[in-house]
N, C-alpha and C. Protein backbone atom coordinates (compact mmCIF):
# COMPACT_ATOMS: atom_id res chain seq x y z
N MET A 1 109.91 97.67 96.99
CA MET A 1 110.23 97.53 98.40
C MET A 1 109.33 98.46 99.21
N ASN A 2 108.91 98.00 100.34
CA ASN A 2 108.04 98.80 101.20
C ASN A 2 108.86 99.83 101.97
N ASN A 3 108.25 100.97 102.25
CA ASN A 3 108.90 101.98 103.08
C ASN A 3 108.74 101.61 104.55
N ILE A 4 109.74 101.94 105.32
CA ILE A 4 109.68 101.82 106.78
C ILE A 4 109.53 103.24 107.30
N ASN A 5 108.45 103.52 108.01
CA ASN A 5 108.16 104.88 108.42
C ASN A 5 108.63 105.16 109.84
N CYS A 6 108.97 106.42 110.09
CA CYS A 6 109.37 106.89 111.41
C CYS A 6 108.17 106.79 112.36
N PRO A 7 108.37 106.26 113.55
CA PRO A 7 107.25 106.16 114.49
C PRO A 7 106.79 107.52 115.04
N ILE A 8 107.60 108.56 114.88
CA ILE A 8 107.25 109.89 115.39
C ILE A 8 106.53 110.73 114.34
N CYS A 9 107.15 110.89 113.16
CA CYS A 9 106.59 111.79 112.16
C CYS A 9 105.99 111.07 110.95
N ALA A 10 106.10 109.76 110.88
CA ALA A 10 105.53 108.93 109.82
C ALA A 10 106.15 109.15 108.44
N LYS A 11 107.28 109.83 108.35
CA LYS A 11 108.00 109.98 107.08
C LYS A 11 108.89 108.75 106.89
N PRO A 12 109.22 108.38 105.63
CA PRO A 12 110.06 107.20 105.40
C PRO A 12 111.46 107.37 106.01
N LEU A 13 111.98 106.27 106.56
CA LEU A 13 113.34 106.26 107.10
C LEU A 13 114.33 106.04 105.97
N SER A 14 115.52 106.62 106.09
CA SER A 14 116.57 106.33 105.13
C SER A 14 117.32 105.09 105.61
N ILE A 15 117.78 104.29 104.67
CA ILE A 15 118.51 103.07 104.97
C ILE A 15 119.88 103.19 104.33
N LYS A 16 120.93 103.05 105.15
CA LYS A 16 122.29 103.22 104.66
C LYS A 16 123.18 102.10 105.17
N MET A 17 124.17 101.75 104.37
CA MET A 17 125.20 100.82 104.81
C MET A 17 126.30 101.63 105.48
N ALA A 18 126.83 101.08 106.54
CA ALA A 18 127.93 101.75 107.25
C ALA A 18 128.84 100.68 107.81
N ARG A 19 129.95 101.11 108.39
CA ARG A 19 130.90 100.21 109.04
C ARG A 19 131.23 100.76 110.41
N GLY A 20 131.46 99.85 111.35
CA GLY A 20 131.84 100.25 112.70
C GLY A 20 133.17 100.97 112.70
N ARG A 21 133.30 101.98 113.54
CA ARG A 21 134.55 102.75 113.58
C ARG A 21 135.71 101.91 114.06
N LYS A 22 135.51 101.12 115.09
CA LYS A 22 136.59 100.30 115.64
C LYS A 22 136.62 98.91 115.04
N SER A 23 135.47 98.28 114.93
CA SER A 23 135.42 96.89 114.47
C SER A 23 135.53 96.78 112.95
N ASN A 24 135.15 97.82 112.23
CA ASN A 24 135.10 97.85 110.78
C ASN A 24 134.10 96.84 110.22
N LYS A 25 133.19 96.35 111.06
CA LYS A 25 132.17 95.41 110.60
C LYS A 25 131.02 96.18 109.96
N PRO A 26 130.45 95.63 108.88
CA PRO A 26 129.34 96.33 108.23
C PRO A 26 128.06 96.23 109.05
N PHE A 27 127.23 97.26 108.96
CA PHE A 27 125.90 97.23 109.56
C PHE A 27 124.97 98.09 108.73
N ILE A 28 123.69 97.95 108.99
CA ILE A 28 122.68 98.72 108.27
C ILE A 28 122.10 99.72 109.25
N MET A 29 122.06 100.99 108.84
CA MET A 29 121.54 102.05 109.70
C MET A 29 120.23 102.56 109.11
N LEU A 30 119.21 102.66 109.96
CA LEU A 30 117.93 103.26 109.59
C LEU A 30 117.81 104.55 110.37
N LYS A 31 117.49 105.65 109.68
CA LYS A 31 117.46 106.96 110.35
C LYS A 31 116.36 107.82 109.77
N CYS A 32 115.70 108.58 110.64
CA CYS A 32 114.71 109.55 110.20
C CYS A 32 115.44 110.75 109.59
N ASP A 33 115.13 111.06 108.33
CA ASP A 33 115.78 112.20 107.68
C ASP A 33 115.21 113.54 108.12
N VAL A 34 113.99 113.54 108.66
CA VAL A 34 113.39 114.78 109.14
C VAL A 34 114.15 115.26 110.37
N ASP A 35 114.38 114.36 111.31
CA ASP A 35 115.14 114.68 112.53
C ASP A 35 115.73 113.37 113.04
N GLY A 36 117.04 113.27 113.05
CA GLY A 36 117.72 112.06 113.48
C GLY A 36 117.42 111.65 114.91
N ARG A 37 116.86 112.58 115.70
CA ARG A 37 116.51 112.24 117.08
C ARG A 37 115.20 111.46 117.16
N HIS A 38 114.39 111.52 116.09
CA HIS A 38 113.13 110.78 116.07
C HIS A 38 113.39 109.29 116.15
N PHE A 39 114.23 108.80 115.24
CA PHE A 39 114.50 107.36 115.22
C PHE A 39 115.85 107.12 114.58
N ARG A 40 116.63 106.26 115.20
CA ARG A 40 117.87 105.78 114.66
C ARG A 40 117.99 104.31 115.07
N GLY A 41 118.11 103.43 114.12
CA GLY A 41 118.19 102.00 114.42
C GLY A 41 119.34 101.38 113.66
N PHE A 42 119.87 100.30 114.21
CA PHE A 42 121.03 99.65 113.62
C PHE A 42 120.79 98.15 113.55
N ILE A 43 121.06 97.55 112.41
CA ILE A 43 121.01 96.10 112.25
C ILE A 43 122.46 95.64 112.18
N THR A 44 122.87 94.87 113.18
CA THR A 44 124.28 94.48 113.27
C THR A 44 124.50 92.98 113.14
N ASP A 45 123.45 92.20 112.94
CA ASP A 45 123.57 90.75 112.82
C ASP A 45 124.38 90.43 111.56
N GLN A 46 125.62 89.96 111.75
CA GLN A 46 126.52 89.74 110.63
C GLN A 46 126.02 88.65 109.68
N GLY A 47 125.33 87.64 110.21
CA GLY A 47 124.77 86.60 109.34
C GLY A 47 123.70 87.17 108.42
N PHE A 48 122.83 88.02 108.96
CA PHE A 48 121.78 88.65 108.17
C PHE A 48 122.38 89.56 107.11
N ILE A 49 123.36 90.37 107.50
CA ILE A 49 123.99 91.32 106.57
C ILE A 49 124.72 90.57 105.46
N SER A 50 125.43 89.50 105.80
CA SER A 50 126.11 88.70 104.79
C SER A 50 125.11 88.10 103.81
N GLY A 51 123.96 87.64 104.32
CA GLY A 51 122.93 87.09 103.46
C GLY A 51 122.36 88.12 102.50
N ILE A 52 122.16 89.33 102.99
CA ILE A 52 121.65 90.41 102.13
C ILE A 52 122.62 90.68 100.99
N PHE A 53 123.91 90.76 101.31
CA PHE A 53 124.88 91.10 100.29
C PHE A 53 125.27 89.93 99.41
N SER A 54 125.07 88.71 99.87
CA SER A 54 125.32 87.58 98.98
C SER A 54 124.23 87.53 97.90
N GLN A 55 123.04 88.04 98.20
CA GLN A 55 121.97 88.10 97.21
C GLN A 55 122.13 89.29 96.28
N ASN A 56 122.64 90.41 96.79
CA ASN A 56 122.65 91.66 96.02
C ASN A 56 124.02 92.12 95.56
N GLY A 57 125.07 91.45 95.93
CA GLY A 57 126.41 91.89 95.53
C GLY A 57 127.37 91.76 96.68
N GLU A 58 128.52 92.42 96.54
CA GLU A 58 129.58 92.32 97.54
C GLU A 58 129.33 93.23 98.73
N LEU A 59 129.99 92.88 99.84
CA LEU A 59 130.01 93.77 101.00
C LEU A 59 130.85 94.98 100.66
N PRO A 60 130.45 96.17 101.07
CA PRO A 60 131.30 97.35 100.84
C PRO A 60 132.60 97.21 101.61
N THR A 61 133.70 97.66 101.00
CA THR A 61 135.00 97.47 101.62
C THR A 61 135.56 98.74 102.25
N SER A 62 135.04 99.90 101.92
CA SER A 62 135.61 101.13 102.46
C SER A 62 134.72 101.68 103.57
N LYS A 63 135.36 102.43 104.47
CA LYS A 63 134.60 103.09 105.55
C LYS A 63 133.90 104.31 104.97
N PRO A 64 132.73 104.67 105.51
CA PRO A 64 132.06 105.88 105.02
C PRO A 64 132.86 107.12 105.39
N GLU A 65 132.83 108.10 104.52
CA GLU A 65 133.55 109.35 104.80
C GLU A 65 132.95 110.04 106.01
N GLY A 66 133.81 110.49 106.91
CA GLY A 66 133.36 111.24 108.08
C GLY A 66 132.79 110.36 109.16
N GLY A 67 132.68 109.08 108.95
CA GLY A 67 132.16 108.18 109.97
C GLY A 67 130.65 108.31 110.13
N VAL A 68 130.09 107.46 110.94
CA VAL A 68 128.65 107.44 111.16
C VAL A 68 128.23 108.52 112.12
N ARG A 69 129.10 108.93 113.01
CA ARG A 69 128.75 109.87 114.07
C ARG A 69 128.90 111.32 113.67
N GLY A 70 128.84 111.62 112.38
CA GLY A 70 128.93 113.01 111.94
C GLY A 70 127.71 113.82 112.38
N GLY A 71 127.75 115.10 112.17
CA GLY A 71 126.65 115.98 112.57
C GLY A 71 125.36 115.64 111.85
N VAL A 72 124.24 115.95 112.49
CA VAL A 72 122.92 115.65 111.90
C VAL A 72 122.44 116.85 111.13
């Protein structure tokens, strides 16, 4: 798989699965690990996410610990 680089520092972005706090819908979060203020992106298209997980396994059923909005 190809790396997706941060547009600011050119380091690879981390890709994580998460769930909405209120909606509990799954989404994919891309974040710069060097500094979260550099880049943070979210893929929320439910059709796309369902397609990804139908190819690779099940959708995660639990919420991430501490939520997505934890400290950087």
